[in-house]
Amino acid sequence: MNSGMPFDVEGVIALSIGFGLCVVVPIVAMLLAHQRKMAEVVRKQQADPVLIQHIQHLQNQIDQLRDRLNERILAQDSARAVPPSFPEGQPRTPAQEAEPN
């Protein structure tokens, strides 16, 4: 049935639906995903100042503990490097007797 229109209405509708499914829907999905990611970025940039201060405090404590641990390790290494002194009358090992005084 052609009522004077030079094109087929059903064909145009079918083509529009096909175009919408193949092109428009993926583009809208990509835009929505991008919008979600940008919202997360903005939300992360507006972090709670109390939380940031707490994290910095914890980082300072970790640094202090690391420094104390390093000092103790160095002290233990230094203590091991010093040969023990023997009181008079205690027998010496052959390696100690070979050492020059």
C-alpha atoms as a PDB file:
ATOM      1  CA  MET A   1       0.000   0.000   0.000  1.00  0.00           C
ATOM      2  CA  ASN A   2       1.695   3.147  -1.163  1.00  0.00           C
ATOM      3  CA  SER A   3      -0.056   6.335  -0.130  1.00  0.00           C
ATOM      4  CA  GLY A   4       2.120   8.662  -2.121  1.00  0.00           C
ATOM      5  CA  MET A   5       5.216   8.359   0.078  1.00  0.00           C
ATOM      6  CA  PRO A   6       8.388   7.603  -1.834  1.00  0.00           C
ATOM      7  CA  PHE A   7       9.777   5.233   0.886  1.00  0.00           C
ATOM      8  CA  ASP A   8       8.705   2.208   2.896  1.00  0.00           C
ATOM      9  CA  VAL A   9       7.753   3.150   6.488  1.00  0.00           C
ATOM     10  CA  GLU A  10       8.278  -0.366   7.842  1.00  0.00           C
ATOM     11  CA  GLY A  11      11.762  -0.447   6.328  1.00  0.00           C
ATOM     12  CA  VAL A  12      12.671   2.903   7.875  1.00  0.00           C
ATOM     13  CA  ILE A  13      11.450   1.741  11.296  1.00  0.00           C
ATOM     14  CA  ALA A  14      13.391  -1.505  11.020  1.00  0.00           C
ATOM     15  CA  LEU A  15      16.501   0.377   9.939  1.00  0.00           C
ATOM     16  CA  SER A  16      16.114   2.840  12.838  1.00  0.00           C
ATOM     17  CA  ILE A  17      15.775   0.018  15.356  1.00  0.00           C
ATOM     18  CA  GLY A  18      18.812  -1.750  13.923  1.00  0.00           C
ATOM     19  CA  PHE A  19      20.850   1.457  13.973  1.00  0.00           C
ATOM     20  CA  GLY A  20      19.772   2.145  17.553  1.00  0.00           C
ATOM     21  CA  LEU A  21      20.730  -1.318  18.739  1.00  0.00           C
ATOM     22  CA  CYS A  22      24.068  -1.400  16.948  1.00  0.00           C
ATOM     23  CA  VAL A  23      25.279   2.159  17.464  1.00  0.00           C
ATOM     24  CA  VAL A  24      23.310   4.199  19.974  1.00  0.00           C
ATOM     25  CA  VAL A  25      23.050   1.644  22.802  1.00  0.00           C
ATOM     26  CA  PRO A  26      26.842   0.982  22.994  1.00  0.00           C
ATOM     27  CA  ILE A  27      27.571   4.723  22.867  1.00  0.00           C
ATOM     28  CA  VAL A  28      25.147   5.378  25.732  1.00  0.00           C
ATOM     29  CA  ALA A  29      26.691   2.498  27.722  1.00  0.00           C
ATOM     30  CA  MET A  30      30.184   3.955  27.215  1.00  0.00           C
ATOM     31  CA  LEU A  31      29.023   7.415  28.291  1.00  0.00           C
ATOM     32  CA  LEU A  32      27.401   6.029  31.445  1.00  0.00           C
ATOM     33  CA  ALA A  33      30.542   4.048  32.329  1.00  0.00           C
ATOM     34  CA  HIS A  34      32.656   7.157  31.814  1.00  0.00           C
ATOM     35  CA  GLN A  35      30.307   9.194  33.992  1.00  0.00           C
ATOM     36  CA  ARG A  36      30.587   6.615  36.804  1.00  0.00           C
ATOM     37  CA  LYS A  37      34.389   6.634  36.622  1.00  0.00           C
ATOM     38  CA  MET A  38      34.546  10.413  36.680  1.00  0.00           C
ATOM     39  CA  ALA A  39      32.220  10.518  39.689  1.00  0.00           C
ATOM     40  CA  GLU A  40      34.567   8.119  41.523  1.00  0.00           C
ATOM     41  CA  VAL A  41      37.582  10.277  40.675  1.00  0.00           C
ATOM     42  CA  VAL A  42      35.865  13.418  41.945  1.00  0.00           C
ATOM     43  CA  ARG A  43      34.742  11.636  45.115  1.00  0.00           C
ATOM     44  CA  LYS A  44      38.278  10.360  45.783  1.00  0.00           C
ATOM     45  CA  GLN A  45      39.713  13.855  45.353  1.00  0.00           C
ATOM     46  CA  GLN A  46      37.352  15.130  48.029  1.00  0.00           C
ATOM     47  CA  ALA A  47      38.749  12.830  50.708  1.00  0.00           C
ATOM     48  CA  ASP A  48      37.938  13.385  54.349  1.00  0.00           C
ATOM     49  CA  PRO A  49      40.609  15.635  55.938  1.00  0.00           C
ATOM     50  CA  VAL A  50      40.357  13.735  59.238  1.00  0.00           C
ATOM     51  CA  LEU A  51      41.088  10.501  57.398  1.00  0.00           C
ATOM     52  CA  ILE A  52      44.066  12.075  55.642  1.00  0.00           C
ATOM     53  CA  GLN A  53      45.424  13.320  58.972  1.00  0.00           C
ATOM     54  CA  HIS A  54      44.971   9.866  60.512  1.00  0.00           C
ATOM     55  CA  ILE A  55      46.820   8.227  57.608  1.00  0.00           C
ATOM     56  CA  GLN A  56      49.699  10.701  57.957  1.00  0.00           C
ATOM     57  CA  HIS A  57      49.861   9.968  61.686  1.00  0.00           C
ATOM     58  CA  LEU A  58      50.044   6.237  60.991  1.00  0.00           C
ATOM     59  CA  GLN A  59      52.771   6.784  58.397  1.00  0.00           C
ATOM     60  CA  ASN A  60      54.782   8.781  60.959  1.00  0.00           C
ATOM     61  CA  GLN A  61      54.418   5.978  63.488  1.00  0.00           C
ATOM     62  CA  ILE A  62      55.576   3.420  60.929  1.00  0.00           C
ATOM     63  CA  ASP A  63      58.615   5.573  60.133  1.00  0.00           C
ATOM     64  CA  GLN A  64      59.467   5.865  63.845  1.00  0.00           C
ATOM     65  CA  LEU A  65      59.123   2.122  64.367  1.00  0.00           C
ATOM     66  CA  ARG A  66      61.283   1.434  61.310  1.00  0.00           C
ATOM     67  CA  ASP A  67      63.973   3.791  62.659  1.00  0.00           C
ATOM     68  CA  ARG A  68      63.901   2.132  66.086  1.00  0.00           C
ATOM     69  CA  LEU A  69      64.149  -1.308  64.512  1.00  0.00           C
ATOM     70  CA  ASN A  70      67.124  -0.235  62.405  1.00  0.00           C
ATOM     71  CA  GLU A  71      68.844   1.196  65.491  1.00  0.00           C
ATOM     72  CA  ARG A  72      68.358  -2.069  67.392  1.00  0.00           C
ATOM     73  CA  ILE A  73      69.644  -4.137  64.483  1.00  0.00           C
ATOM     74  CA  LEU A  74      72.717  -1.932  64.216  1.00  0.00           C
ATOM     75  CA  ALA A  75      73.295  -2.177  67.981  1.00  0.00           C
ATOM     76  CA  GLN A  76      73.043  -5.969  67.863  1.00  0.00           C
ATOM     77  CA  ASP A  77      75.415  -6.130  64.900  1.00  0.00           C
ATOM     78  CA  SER A  78      77.871  -3.889  66.735  1.00  0.00           C
ATOM     79  CA  ALA A  79      77.672  -6.051  69.850  1.00  0.00           C
ATOM     80  CA  ARG A  80      78.420  -9.185  67.818  1.00  0.00           C
ATOM     81  CA  ALA A  81      81.407  -7.577  66.103  1.00  0.00           C
ATOM     82  CA  VAL A  82      83.229  -6.932  69.414  1.00  0.00           C
ATOM     83  CA  PRO A  83      85.158 -10.049  70.483  1.00  0.00           C
ATOM     84  CA  PRO A  84      84.409 -11.115  74.030  1.00  0.00           C
ATOM     85  CA  SER A  85      87.051 -10.343  76.610  1.00  0.00           C
ATOM     86  CA  PHE A  86      88.150 -13.183  78.832  1.00  0.00           C
ATOM     87  CA  PRO A  87      89.005 -12.667  82.457  1.00  0.00           C
ATOM     88  CA  GLU A  88      92.424 -13.703  83.680  1.00  0.00           C
ATOM     89  CA  GLY A  89      92.840 -17.388  84.252  1.00  0.00           C
ATOM     90  CA  GLN A  90      90.214 -18.497  81.744  1.00  0.00           C
ATOM     91  CA  PRO A  91      91.621 -20.741  79.024  1.00  0.00           C
ATOM     92  CA  ARG A  92      91.961 -19.265  75.577  1.00  0.00           C
ATOM     93  CA  THR A  93      91.169 -21.042  72.333  1.00  0.00           C
ATOM     94  CA  PRO A  94      93.964 -21.831  69.876  1.00  0.00           C
ATOM     95  CA  ALA A  95      92.687 -19.152  67.510  1.00  0.00           C
ATOM     96  CA  GLN A  96      92.842 -16.553  70.288  1.00  0.00           C
ATOM     97  CA  GLU A  97      96.358 -17.569  71.209  1.00  0.00           C
ATOM     98  CA  ALA A  98      97.459 -17.172  67.585  1.00  0.00           C
ATOM     99  CA  GLU A  99      96.232 -13.574  67.532  1.00  0.00           C
ATOM    100  CA  PRO A 100      98.888 -10.939  68.210  1.00  0.00           C
ATOM    101  CA  ASN A 101      98.361  -8.859  71.321  1.00  0.00           C
END
